[in-house]
Amino acid sequence: MTDDDDPRVERRRGPSTATLSFSGIIAVAGLLASGVATYNSVQNDIASLKRGELYQERTNERLSEEIKSSRTEQRETMREFNEKLDRIIEQWPRGGKQ
């Protein structure tokens, strides 16, 4: 007599191996979908960072050009100021009272 024939022995009841396999497939599919979503999110973040870096480089170039232009204007203004100051000094009466 085997245990299967003995009415006193309780048989374990639980999910079948087919149910476990299906659950495993669903779990793996969920993990795979999550991984793909994470990968896409990371790729989008990298692309955003690259766009931001390119924007920053362009902004720096534009500001550098503006600074160069401002310095050129400042030098020209100072040159004109010095010329005017020199003319005023040349015209200034020398020697004390006249």
C-alpha atoms as a PDB file:
ATOM      1  CA  MET A   1       0.000   0.000   0.000  1.00  0.00           C
ATOM      2  CA  THR A   2       1.348   3.402  -0.991  1.00  0.00           C
ATOM      3  CA  ASP A   3       0.682   6.793   0.568  1.00  0.00           C
ATOM      4  CA  ASP A   4      -1.622   7.633  -2.332  1.00  0.00           C
ATOM      5  CA  ASP A   5      -3.910   4.778  -1.389  1.00  0.00           C
ATOM      6  CA  ASP A   6      -4.002   5.598   2.346  1.00  0.00           C
ATOM      7  CA  PRO A   7      -6.986   7.855   3.148  1.00  0.00           C
ATOM      8  CA  ARG A   8      -5.321   9.019   6.403  1.00  0.00           C
ATOM      9  CA  VAL A   9      -2.485  10.789   4.547  1.00  0.00           C
ATOM     10  CA  GLU A  10      -3.377  14.302   3.441  1.00  0.00           C
ATOM     11  CA  ARG A  11      -2.159  15.263   0.049  1.00  0.00           C
ATOM     12  CA  ARG A  12      -0.621  18.660  -0.280  1.00  0.00           C
ATOM     13  CA  ARG A  13      -2.578  20.970  -2.468  1.00  0.00           C
ATOM     14  CA  GLY A  14      -0.994  24.061  -4.008  1.00  0.00           C
ATOM     15  CA  PRO A  15      -0.273  25.741  -7.282  1.00  0.00           C
ATOM     16  CA  SER A  16       0.626  23.501 -10.130  1.00  0.00           C
ATOM     17  CA  THR A  17       3.972  23.734 -11.851  1.00  0.00           C
ATOM     18  CA  ALA A  18       2.177  25.242 -14.849  1.00  0.00           C
ATOM     19  CA  THR A  19       0.849  28.052 -12.644  1.00  0.00           C
ATOM     20  CA  LEU A  20       4.309  28.625 -11.206  1.00  0.00           C
ATOM     21  CA  SER A  21       5.825  28.702 -14.677  1.00  0.00           C
ATOM     22  CA  PHE A  22       3.231  31.188 -15.910  1.00  0.00           C
ATOM     23  CA  SER A  23       3.833  33.385 -12.848  1.00  0.00           C
ATOM     24  CA  GLY A  24       7.561  33.205 -13.502  1.00  0.00           C
ATOM     25  CA  ILE A  25       7.065  34.267 -17.109  1.00  0.00           C
ATOM     26  CA  ILE A  26       4.902  37.206 -15.991  1.00  0.00           C
ATOM     27  CA  ALA A  27       7.527  38.218 -13.400  1.00  0.00           C
ATOM     28  CA  VAL A  28      10.366  38.053 -15.938  1.00  0.00           C
ATOM     29  CA  ALA A  29       8.298  40.038 -18.446  1.00  0.00           C
ATOM     30  CA  GLY A  30       7.624  42.665 -15.768  1.00  0.00           C
ATOM     31  CA  LEU A  31      11.318  42.899 -14.930  1.00  0.00           C
ATOM     32  CA  LEU A  32      12.181  43.177 -18.613  1.00  0.00           C
ATOM     33  CA  ALA A  33       9.611  45.952 -19.136  1.00  0.00           C
ATOM     34  CA  SER A  34      10.950  47.773 -16.096  1.00  0.00           C
ATOM     35  CA  GLY A  35      14.505  47.465 -17.411  1.00  0.00           C
ATOM     36  CA  VAL A  36      13.500  48.815 -20.816  1.00  0.00           C
ATOM     37  CA  ALA A  37      11.688  51.750 -19.199  1.00  0.00           C
ATOM     38  CA  THR A  38      14.714  52.500 -17.013  1.00  0.00           C
ATOM     39  CA  TYR A  39      17.047  52.289 -20.016  1.00  0.00           C
ATOM     40  CA  ASN A  40      14.840  54.691 -22.005  1.00  0.00           C
ATOM     41  CA  SER A  41      14.685  57.083 -19.065  1.00  0.00           C
ATOM     42  CA  VAL A  42      18.479  57.064 -18.713  1.00  0.00           C
ATOM     43  CA  GLN A  43      18.911  57.624 -22.454  1.00  0.00           C
ATOM     44  CA  ASN A  44      16.514  60.596 -22.305  1.00  0.00           C
ATOM     45  CA  ASP A  45      18.434  62.040 -19.350  1.00  0.00           C
ATOM     46  CA  ILE A  46      21.740  61.691 -21.235  1.00  0.00           C
ATOM     47  CA  ALA A  47      20.248  63.377 -24.297  1.00  0.00           C
ATOM     48  CA  SER A  48      18.955  66.237 -22.125  1.00  0.00           C
ATOM     49  CA  LEU A  49      22.372  66.675 -20.540  1.00  0.00           C
ATOM     50  CA  LYS A  50      24.025  66.779 -23.962  1.00  0.00           C
ATOM     51  CA  ARG A  51      21.529  69.412 -25.163  1.00  0.00           C
ATOM     52  CA  GLY A  52      22.180  71.439 -22.015  1.00  0.00           C
ATOM     53  CA  GLU A  53      25.931  71.144 -22.519  1.00  0.00           C
ATOM     54  CA  LEU A  54      25.633  72.301 -26.145  1.00  0.00           C
ATOM     55  CA  TYR A  55      23.425  75.220 -25.077  1.00  0.00           C
ATOM     56  CA  GLN A  56      25.973  76.182 -22.406  1.00  0.00           C
ATOM     57  CA  GLU A  57      28.824  76.064 -24.933  1.00  0.00           C
ATOM     58  CA  ARG A  58      26.919  78.307 -27.349  1.00  0.00           C
ATOM     59  CA  THR A  59      26.047  80.710 -24.539  1.00  0.00           C
ATOM     60  CA  ASN A  60      29.703  80.862 -23.479  1.00  0.00           C
ATOM     61  CA  GLU A  61      30.802  81.578 -27.043  1.00  0.00           C
ATOM     62  CA  ARG A  62      28.212  84.343 -27.412  1.00  0.00           C
ATOM     63  CA  LEU A  63      29.205  85.907 -24.094  1.00  0.00           C
ATOM     64  CA  SER A  64      32.886  85.723 -25.016  1.00  0.00           C
ATOM     65  CA  GLU A  65      32.162  87.640 -28.206  1.00  0.00           C
ATOM     66  CA  GLU A  66      30.138  90.226 -26.293  1.00  0.00           C
ATOM     67  CA  ILE A  67      32.954  90.655 -23.755  1.00  0.00           C
ATOM     68  CA  LYS A  68      35.504  91.119 -26.549  1.00  0.00           C
ATOM     69  CA  SER A  69      33.259  93.709 -28.179  1.00  0.00           C
ATOM     70  CA  SER A  70      32.764  95.541 -24.869  1.00  0.00           C
ATOM     71  CA  ARG A  71      36.510  95.608 -24.225  1.00  0.00           C
ATOM     72  CA  THR A  72      37.141  97.032 -27.685  1.00  0.00           C
ATOM     73  CA  GLU A  73      34.537  99.759 -27.073  1.00  0.00           C
ATOM     74  CA  GLN A  74      36.018 100.452 -23.648  1.00  0.00           C
ATOM     75  CA  ARG A  75      39.538 100.829 -25.109  1.00  0.00           C
ATOM     76  CA  GLU A  76      38.227 103.216 -27.771  1.00  0.00           C
ATOM     77  CA  THR A  77      36.349 105.274 -25.181  1.00  0.00           C
ATOM     78  CA  MET A  78      39.418 105.469 -22.938  1.00  0.00           C
ATOM     79  CA  ARG A  79      41.596 106.505 -25.907  1.00  0.00           C
ATOM     80  CA  GLU A  80      39.149 109.314 -26.770  1.00  0.00           C
ATOM     81  CA  PHE A  81      38.988 110.384 -23.127  1.00  0.00           C
ATOM     82  CA  ASN A  82      42.780 110.504 -22.871  1.00  0.00           C
ATOM     83  CA  GLU A  83      43.015 112.562 -26.073  1.00  0.00           C
ATOM     84  CA  LYS A  84      40.479 115.075 -24.733  1.00  0.00           C
ATOM     85  CA  LEU A  85      42.271 115.192 -21.388  1.00  0.00           C
ATOM     86  CA  ASP A  86      45.593 115.818 -23.161  1.00  0.00           C
ATOM     87  CA  ARG A  87      44.042 118.725 -25.121  1.00  0.00           C
ATOM     88  CA  ILE A  88      42.621 120.237 -21.936  1.00  0.00           C
ATOM     89  CA  ILE A  89      46.009 119.936 -20.225  1.00  0.00           C
ATOM     90  CA  GLU A  90      47.733 121.566 -23.254  1.00  0.00           C
ATOM     91  CA  GLN A  91      45.310 124.470 -23.112  1.00  0.00           C
ATOM     92  CA  TRP A  92      45.610 124.886 -19.344  1.00  0.00           C
ATOM     93  CA  PRO A  93      47.377 128.107 -18.442  1.00  0.00           C
ATOM     94  CA  ARG A  94      50.934 127.484 -17.306  1.00  0.00           C
ATOM     95  CA  GLY A  95      52.794 129.392 -14.716  1.00  0.00           C
ATOM     96  CA  GLY A  96      50.538 130.905 -12.070  1.00  0.00           C
ATOM     97  CA  LYS A  97      48.670 134.146 -12.686  1.00  0.00           C
ATOM     98  CA  GLN A  98      48.153 135.729 -16.068  1.00  0.00           C
END
